[in-house]
Every structure is written in structure tokens, then in C-alpha cells.
Amino acid sequence: MKNVLLSFLSLLILGCSACEERQKLSDEGVLVPLTVMEDPLLPFIIVNNVKLHAEAFGNPDDPIVVVIHGGPGVDYRGQLNFKELVSDSLYVVFYDQMGSGLSQRLGKDHYKNVQVFIDELDGVINHYRQNSQQKVILAGHSWGGMLATAYFNQNPDKIDGAILAEPGGFNWEQTEAYLSRSRKIELFGESTNDFVYLDQFITGSDHNTLDYKMVLSLASDVATGDVDPPPFWRYGWICNSASIELAINHPEQLDFTANLTAFTPKVLFAYSELNESYGPDHAKLVSGFLSNVELVEIEGCGHEIPEYGWANFYPAVKKYLQEIL
């Protein structure tokens, strides 16, 4: 693997050297896809003075499903199967969270608390919602499920339903327990050594280079029970690292349970058959804070339920939406 990566790097350097105008590895578009700040053709909205990569499908007057990706730091590419809900007369909204995917990059200081993510989600909902009578359902995967829960924990009267796919936990204790069982880094494993070896040649502190190095570090990071990593456009290093630091230093900010009993709409809570780090026991533990919940196991996939488990996930989602709408 080390030789493959080195060969790739050598070809990249030779190719750049052949250009009349050499580009730095940190230049836009060399290592990673452009964000909405550089590519005017990307769809976007502006929420709280931040330019977000976002798009919506379907009739704007239909009930809204806001899809919330995981991470923090990844993007909604792996959630695009939710577009199928358009055929069920639903308006489906996708957005890359601040500093994630193809959205605007921000400095570390911007991630001062979890509330900035909650406020951003509120802004996305307000952007697409036509009126106060239009129903809104949140569909969150992993961290996205945690963020969805944080939102209706604060705003139980603004949301009409929720679809949660393996949220890590609704407080830090639950989340830490799950993380301790999943995605462990082998410090002396081959993939880590390859990344460190390549890091000797690719250095830098700008967003482009850091995001690229994040992808290298995740090259072999496959969720338990899945055969491949989830597809994504671009990973936000600063968003991810700042959010992890926030969680470790201020675990009280990851407690989303104070007002959950006030949220009375039924919640669809999905866990996968093959993710042994999660399983029915953890699903029951996490969902125990909800007053009205339906637990469903999605067969044939691991943690990446919306991507690799959609064939079995969609029927449960469709049935649930028909019940609550």
C-alpha cells in the first residue's frame, strides 16, 4: 500500500511539474472538490451568514423531510437514496453542514458549542418551509440522528416526526460507549503507517490540504458490517476535529435528553443487523429516552443504513411516514 501511495504522489508531482504554471497542493481543486465558495455552479443556500451546499427535490408545498448527514464533517452524498421519497409526495431537503462536504469552510473558533449546529438546522428548516402548517420530518444518520434529536429536544413543537438511523447516543456516556466499540484506530496498522509516511511529503494547515489528509486517514475506515466506506464528496477536517475536541472538553453539551419526553410524535429508530458495535441492546438504551418510538432492525447492512441498507430501510420509512402524515 505504501508503494502505491508513493507512486501516486510521484505521478502527481511530475504532472504538476509539467504544467507551465505550477499549482500548490493547497490550491483549490487540486486535492479535493471545490466548495460553494469556489464553484458558482454548485447549489447553495445562505444560513446564519454561512454558505451551505444544499438542494431540494419534489414539490415545495409537500411535507418536508430534512436529511441530516453524519460526521461531523462528512456530507449528504451517502444519503441521496432519500430522494426516492419524492415519489411518495414528500419534499426532500439535503444540506452539507457548516465546514462539511462542499459547504463553506470555517475556522476552529466557529465550533464553540453544539448550539451552532442546532441553529443552523433551524435556519435550513426556515429556509425551505413555506408556512407554519407545513409538516417537517427530520431524517438523521449517525451524528445526524444525534443532531436531529438535539433539535426536537429544544423544539418539540416544530417537528412532526423523526427517522433516526443508529445515532451514537443522546448523551456523552452513551456516545462514548458506542465509540469505544467501533472504528478503533490501529496505531501501528498498515493504513496508519501509510498515512504517516505520506504525510512526510504532503504538509500544510489550510482547509484543502487538511481535508485531503482526512480522506487519506479514512481510506480503510469501514463501518462495522459494511463492505465499503460510504461515498462522500469531501470531508471537513476542522469541523470534525473541533467537534471532537468540543465533545471531550464539554461532554455536557452532548446531552440531548432534558426535554425529550415533551416530544410526542412517533419516532422511527433504525439499527442495523451487522453492526455488532451497536446492536439491539444499544438501540434500546439510546431510544429509551423517547416517549413514542418504534425500533426496527435493518437486515443485510452495517452502520451505513441509508446507503447500503436502503432496499430494506425504505419500506420501513415509507410505512412510518404513511402512519404519521
Protein backbone atom coordinates (compact mmCIF):
# COMPACT_ATOMS: atom_id res chain seq x y z
CA MET A 1 0.00 0.00 0.00
CA LYS A 2 2.85 2.37 0.84
CA ASN A 3 4.35 1.85 -2.60
CA VAL A 4 1.01 2.51 -4.30
CA LEU A 5 0.53 5.77 -2.44
CA LEU A 6 4.10 6.85 -3.10
CA SER A 7 3.69 6.08 -6.81
CA PHE A 8 0.51 8.11 -6.90
CA LEU A 9 2.25 11.01 -5.18
CA SER A 10 5.17 10.83 -7.61
CA LEU A 11 2.84 10.96 -10.61
CA LEU A 12 1.01 13.89 -9.06
CA ILE A 13 4.25 15.81 -8.52
CA LEU A 14 5.53 15.02 -12.04
CA GLY A 15 2.23 16.09 -13.54
CA CYS A 16 2.32 19.37 -11.67
CA SER A 17 5.92 19.96 -12.70
CA ALA A 18 4.98 19.59 -16.37
CA CYS A 19 2.47 22.43 -16.13
CA GLU A 20 3.59 25.87 -17.26
CA GLU A 21 2.11 27.33 -14.09
CA ARG A 22 2.75 25.06 -11.17
CA GLN A 23 -0.02 24.67 -8.64
CA LYS A 24 0.49 24.16 -4.95
CA LEU A 25 -1.11 21.14 -3.33
CA SER A 26 -3.20 23.57 -1.30
CA ASP A 27 -4.69 25.28 -4.37
CA GLU A 28 -8.42 24.89 -4.95
CA GLY A 29 -9.39 21.83 -6.98
CA VAL A 30 -6.02 20.05 -6.86
CA LEU A 31 -6.55 17.71 -3.92
CA VAL A 32 -10.26 17.94 -3.18
CA PRO A 33 -13.51 19.06 -4.87
CA LEU A 34 -14.30 22.76 -4.81
CA THR A 35 -16.73 24.12 -2.24
CA VAL A 36 -19.60 26.51 -2.89
CA MET A 37 -17.16 29.34 -2.22
CA GLU A 38 -15.12 28.47 -5.34
CA ASP A 39 -17.62 26.77 -7.65
CA PRO A 40 -20.54 29.05 -8.65
CA LEU A 41 -22.38 26.13 -10.27
CA LEU A 42 -22.99 24.28 -7.01
CA PRO A 43 -26.46 24.69 -5.48
CA PHE A 44 -26.41 26.60 -2.19
CA ILE A 45 -28.35 28.49 0.44
CA ILE A 46 -27.12 31.02 2.99
CA VAL A 47 -27.92 30.30 6.63
CA ASN A 48 -26.62 32.41 9.52
CA ASN A 49 -24.17 34.11 7.14
CA VAL A 50 -22.66 30.78 6.07
CA LYS A 51 -22.90 29.48 2.50
CA LEU A 52 -24.14 25.88 2.58
CA HIS A 53 -24.14 23.33 -0.20
CA ALA A 54 -27.83 22.38 -0.36
CA GLU A 55 -30.56 21.25 -2.71
CA ALA A 56 -34.17 20.08 -2.53
CA PHE A 57 -36.30 17.73 -4.62
CA GLY A 58 -40.04 17.48 -5.11
CA ASN A 59 -42.99 19.81 -4.62
CA PRO A 60 -42.13 22.63 -2.16
CA ASP A 61 -45.70 22.50 -0.83
CA ASP A 62 -45.49 18.84 0.24
CA PRO A 63 -44.44 17.78 3.76
CA ILE A 64 -40.70 18.32 4.18
CA VAL A 65 -38.11 15.67 5.01
CA VAL A 66 -34.83 17.32 6.05
CA VAL A 67 -31.98 14.81 5.67
CA ILE A 68 -29.12 15.27 8.16
CA HIS A 69 -25.81 13.60 7.38
CA GLY A 70 -23.33 12.14 9.83
CA GLY A 71 -19.82 13.06 10.81
CA PRO A 72 -19.44 15.73 11.94
CA GLY A 73 -17.56 16.68 8.81
CA VAL A 74 -18.86 14.39 6.07
CA ASP A 75 -21.68 15.28 3.60
CA TYR A 76 -25.03 14.16 2.22
CA ARG A 77 -23.82 12.16 -0.77
CA GLY A 78 -24.33 8.89 1.12
CA GLN A 79 -27.91 9.91 1.99
CA LEU A 80 -29.15 10.56 -1.54
CA ASN A 81 -31.36 7.45 -1.57
CA PHE A 82 -33.84 9.57 0.39
CA LYS A 83 -34.66 11.24 -2.95
CA GLU A 84 -36.93 8.27 -3.55
CA LEU A 85 -39.38 9.80 -1.05
CA VAL A 86 -40.28 12.40 -3.69
CA SER A 87 -42.45 9.72 -5.31
CA ASP A 88 -44.34 9.49 -2.01
CA SER A 89 -45.35 13.18 -2.27
CA LEU A 90 -42.62 14.49 0.01
CA TYR A 91 -40.29 17.46 -0.41
CA VAL A 92 -36.77 16.20 0.37
CA VAL A 93 -34.07 18.62 1.51
CA PHE A 94 -30.34 17.89 1.69
CA TYR A 95 -27.60 20.13 3.06
CA ASP A 96 -23.93 19.86 3.96
CA GLN A 97 -23.39 21.18 7.46
CA MET A 98 -21.03 24.12 8.01
CA GLY A 99 -17.44 23.23 7.24
CA SER A 100 -18.55 19.86 5.84
CA GLY A 101 -18.77 18.39 2.35
CA LEU A 102 -18.94 21.18 -0.19
CA SER A 103 -20.13 23.89 2.22
CA GLN A 104 -18.13 26.96 3.24
CA ARG A 105 -15.08 26.27 5.41
CA LEU A 106 -14.83 27.99 8.79
CA GLY A 107 -12.18 28.44 11.45
CA LYS A 108 -11.95 26.27 14.54
CA ASP A 109 -13.36 29.03 16.75
CA HIS A 110 -16.70 28.85 14.93
CA TYR A 111 -17.45 25.48 16.58
CA LYS A 112 -17.74 26.92 20.04
CA ASN A 113 -20.78 24.84 21.03
CA VAL A 114 -23.29 22.32 19.71
CA GLN A 115 -25.87 25.09 19.54
CA VAL A 116 -24.34 26.41 16.29
CA PHE A 117 -25.35 23.15 14.57
CA ILE A 118 -28.86 23.31 16.07
CA ASP A 119 -29.28 26.93 14.98
CA GLU A 120 -28.05 26.04 11.51
CA LEU A 121 -30.61 23.24 11.20
CA ASP A 122 -33.31 25.67 12.33
CA GLY A 123 -32.20 28.07 9.59
CA VAL A 124 -32.34 25.31 6.96
CA ILE A 125 -35.88 24.39 8.02
CA ASN A 126 -36.99 28.02 7.95
CA HIS A 127 -35.45 28.50 4.50
CA TYR A 128 -37.49 25.70 2.91
CA ARG A 129 -40.67 25.77 4.98
CA GLN A 130 -43.50 27.58 3.20
CA ASN A 131 -45.68 28.16 6.27
CA SER A 132 -46.17 27.05 9.89
CA GLN A 133 -48.75 24.43 8.86
CA GLN A 134 -46.34 22.56 6.59
CA LYS A 135 -45.21 19.38 8.33
CA VAL A 136 -41.49 18.76 8.89
CA ILE A 137 -39.81 15.39 9.45
CA LEU A 138 -36.12 15.05 10.32
CA ALA A 139 -34.15 12.10 8.94
CA GLY A 140 -30.74 11.78 10.60
CA HIS A 141 -28.00 9.18 10.30
CA SER A 142 -25.33 8.63 13.00
CA TRP A 143 -24.23 12.12 14.15
CA GLY A 144 -27.13 13.42 12.05
CA GLY A 145 -29.53 11.41 14.23
CA MET A 146 -27.98 12.97 17.32
CA LEU A 147 -28.35 16.45 15.83
CA ALA A 148 -31.98 15.77 14.88
CA THR A 149 -32.66 14.69 18.46
CA ALA A 150 -30.89 17.76 19.86
CA TYR A 151 -33.16 19.87 17.68
CA PHE A 152 -36.50 18.42 18.73
CA ASN A 153 -35.31 18.21 22.33
CA GLN A 154 -35.20 22.03 22.16
CA ASN A 155 -38.10 22.48 19.75
CA PRO A 156 -40.62 19.68 20.36
CA ASP A 157 -43.48 21.62 18.75
CA LYS A 158 -41.68 22.40 15.48
CA ILE A 159 -41.21 18.82 14.26
CA ASP A 160 -43.87 16.31 13.24
CA GLY A 161 -41.73 13.17 13.13
CA ALA A 162 -38.19 11.81 13.07
CA ILE A 163 -36.29 8.98 11.42
CA LEU A 164 -33.09 8.11 13.28
CA ALA A 165 -30.54 5.63 11.93
CA GLU A 166 -28.02 4.49 14.55
CA PRO A 167 -27.40 7.77 16.41
CA GLY A 168 -24.37 7.25 18.64
CA GLY A 169 -26.19 8.37 21.76
CA PHE A 170 -28.28 11.13 23.28
CA ASN A 171 -25.67 11.92 25.93
CA TRP A 172 -21.89 11.65 26.06
CA GLU A 173 -21.89 8.49 28.18
CA GLN A 174 -23.90 6.60 25.55
CA THR A 175 -21.90 8.05 22.68
CA GLU A 176 -18.53 7.32 24.27
CA ALA A 177 -19.60 3.73 24.98
CA TYR A 178 -20.52 3.23 21.32
CA LEU A 179 -17.36 4.89 20.01
CA SER A 180 -15.23 2.72 22.28
CA ARG A 181 -16.61 -0.34 20.48
CA SER A 182 -16.38 0.95 16.92
CA ARG A 183 -13.92 2.49 14.47
CA LYS A 184 -10.83 1.79 16.55
CA ILE A 185 -7.58 3.08 15.03
CA GLU A 186 -4.70 0.63 14.90
CA LEU A 187 -1.80 2.95 15.66
CA PHE A 188 0.73 0.61 14.08
CA GLY A 189 -1.52 -0.80 11.37
CA GLU A 190 -0.66 -0.60 7.68
CA SER A 191 -3.19 2.13 6.81
CA THR A 192 -1.96 4.36 9.63
CA ASN A 193 1.67 3.85 8.65
CA ASP A 194 0.84 4.68 5.03
CA PHE A 195 -0.87 7.88 6.09
CA VAL A 196 2.02 8.96 8.33
CA TYR A 197 4.55 8.08 5.62
CA LEU A 198 2.72 10.13 3.00
CA ASP A 199 2.26 12.96 5.49
CA GLN A 200 6.02 13.50 5.38
CA PHE A 201 5.54 14.75 1.79
CA ILE A 202 2.15 16.45 1.99
CA THR A 203 2.08 19.06 4.74
CA GLY A 204 0.05 22.17 5.36
CA SER A 205 -2.56 23.72 7.58
CA ASP A 206 -5.03 25.11 5.02
CA HIS A 207 -8.50 23.57 4.62
CA ASN A 208 -7.77 21.97 1.25
CA THR A 209 -4.72 20.05 2.41
CA LEU A 210 -6.22 19.13 5.78
CA ASP A 211 -9.39 17.81 4.13
CA TYR A 212 -7.28 15.73 1.75
CA LYS A 213 -5.25 14.28 4.60
CA MET A 214 -8.50 13.44 6.38
CA VAL A 215 -9.53 11.32 3.41
CA LEU A 216 -6.19 9.51 3.48
CA SER A 217 -6.65 8.72 7.15
CA LEU A 218 -10.13 7.31 6.48
CA ALA A 219 -9.16 5.26 3.43
CA SER A 220 -9.62 1.95 5.25
CA ASP A 221 -12.15 3.13 7.82
CA VAL A 222 -15.16 0.97 7.01
CA ALA A 223 -18.06 0.88 9.45
CA THR A 224 -18.73 -2.49 11.08
CA GLY A 225 -20.80 -4.72 8.82
CA ASP A 226 -20.27 -2.68 5.64
CA VAL A 227 -18.12 -3.80 2.72
CA ASP A 228 -17.07 -0.32 1.59
CA PRO A 229 -16.69 3.18 3.04
CA PRO A 230 -19.70 5.42 2.41
CA PRO A 231 -19.44 7.69 -0.64
CA PHE A 232 -18.78 11.36 0.02
CA TRP A 233 -17.56 14.40 -1.85
CA ARG A 234 -15.27 15.93 0.73
CA TYR A 235 -14.56 15.59 4.45
CA GLY A 236 -14.13 18.63 6.69
CA TRP A 237 -11.07 18.17 8.90
CA ILE A 238 -11.53 21.32 11.01
CA CYS A 239 -15.22 20.66 11.56
CA ASN A 240 -14.52 17.09 12.63
CA SER A 241 -11.54 17.78 14.89
CA ALA A 242 -13.10 20.84 16.52
CA SER A 243 -16.33 18.94 17.20
CA ILE A 244 -14.48 16.02 18.77
CA GLU A 245 -12.48 18.42 20.95
CA LEU A 246 -15.73 20.12 21.99
CA ALA A 247 -17.30 16.80 22.96
CA ILE A 248 -14.29 15.70 25.01
CA ASN A 249 -13.85 19.02 26.82
CA HIS A 250 -17.55 19.78 27.27
CA PRO A 251 -19.44 16.47 27.37
CA GLU A 252 -22.44 18.18 28.97
CA GLN A 253 -23.14 19.78 25.59
CA LEU A 254 -23.89 16.37 24.13
CA ASP A 255 -26.78 15.73 26.50
CA PHE A 256 -29.96 15.98 24.44
CA THR A 257 -32.32 14.31 26.92
CA ALA A 258 -33.66 17.11 29.13
CA ASN A 259 -36.90 17.63 27.22
CA LEU A 260 -37.30 14.53 25.06
CA THR A 261 -40.44 13.34 26.85
CA ALA A 262 -42.16 16.50 25.58
CA PHE A 263 -41.70 15.26 22.01
CA THR A 264 -44.80 13.12 21.46
CA PRO A 265 -44.76 12.26 17.72
CA LYS A 266 -43.73 8.72 16.93
CA VAL A 267 -40.02 8.25 16.11
CA LEU A 268 -38.70 5.56 13.77
CA PHE A 269 -35.42 4.31 15.25
CA ALA A 270 -33.39 2.02 12.98
CA TYR A 271 -30.37 -0.10 13.82
CA SER A 272 -28.51 -2.48 11.53
CA GLU A 273 -28.22 -6.24 11.60
CA LEU A 274 -24.47 -6.38 11.00
CA ASN A 275 -23.05 -3.56 13.14
CA GLU A 276 -22.09 -5.56 16.21
CA SER A 277 -20.85 -2.39 17.92
CA TYR A 278 -24.42 -1.09 18.01
CA GLY A 279 -27.00 -3.88 18.10
CA PRO A 280 -30.44 -4.07 19.72
CA ASP A 281 -29.12 -3.52 23.25
CA HIS A 282 -27.56 -0.15 22.43
CA ALA A 283 -30.60 0.78 20.34
CA LYS A 284 -32.89 0.10 23.30
CA LEU A 285 -30.61 2.02 25.64
CA VAL A 286 -30.47 5.13 23.45
CA SER A 287 -34.11 5.11 22.36
CA GLY A 288 -35.26 4.66 25.97
CA PHE A 289 -35.36 8.44 26.38
CA LEU A 290 -38.06 8.76 23.71
CA SER A 291 -41.70 8.67 24.75
CA ASN A 292 -43.03 7.21 21.48
CA VAL A 293 -40.62 5.09 19.47
CA GLU A 294 -40.64 2.21 17.00
CA LEU A 295 -37.46 0.14 16.88
CA VAL A 296 -36.66 -1.62 13.62
CA GLU A 297 -33.69 -3.76 12.62
CA ILE A 298 -32.46 -3.25 9.05
CA GLU A 299 -31.17 -6.52 7.65
CA GLY A 300 -28.18 -7.03 5.39
CA CYS A 301 -26.13 -3.94 6.24
CA GLY A 302 -23.94 -2.32 8.84
CA HIS A 303 -23.83 1.24 10.12
CA GLU A 304 -24.30 2.90 6.71
CA ILE A 305 -28.03 2.15 6.64
CA PRO A 306 -29.20 4.87 4.20
CA GLU A 307 -26.56 3.87 1.65
CA TYR A 308 -26.12 0.10 1.81
CA GLY A 309 -29.35 -0.88 3.57
CA TRP A 310 -31.80 1.25 1.60
CA ALA A 311 -33.66 -1.67 -0.02
CA ASN A 312 -34.74 -2.88 3.44
CA PHE A 313 -34.80 0.56 5.09
CA TYR A 314 -37.11 2.25 2.60
CA PRO A 315 -40.18 0.05 3.25
CA ALA A 316 -39.95 0.81 6.98
CA VAL A 317 -39.52 4.53 6.26
CA LYS A 318 -42.45 4.59 3.86
CA LYS A 319 -44.74 2.75 6.27
CA TYR A 320 -43.76 5.10 9.10
CA LEU A 321 -44.39 8.24 7.04
CA GLN A 322 -47.79 6.96 5.95
CA GLU A 323 -48.70 6.48 9.63
CA ILE A 324 -47.72 9.96 10.83
CA LEU A 325 -48.76 12.11 7.86
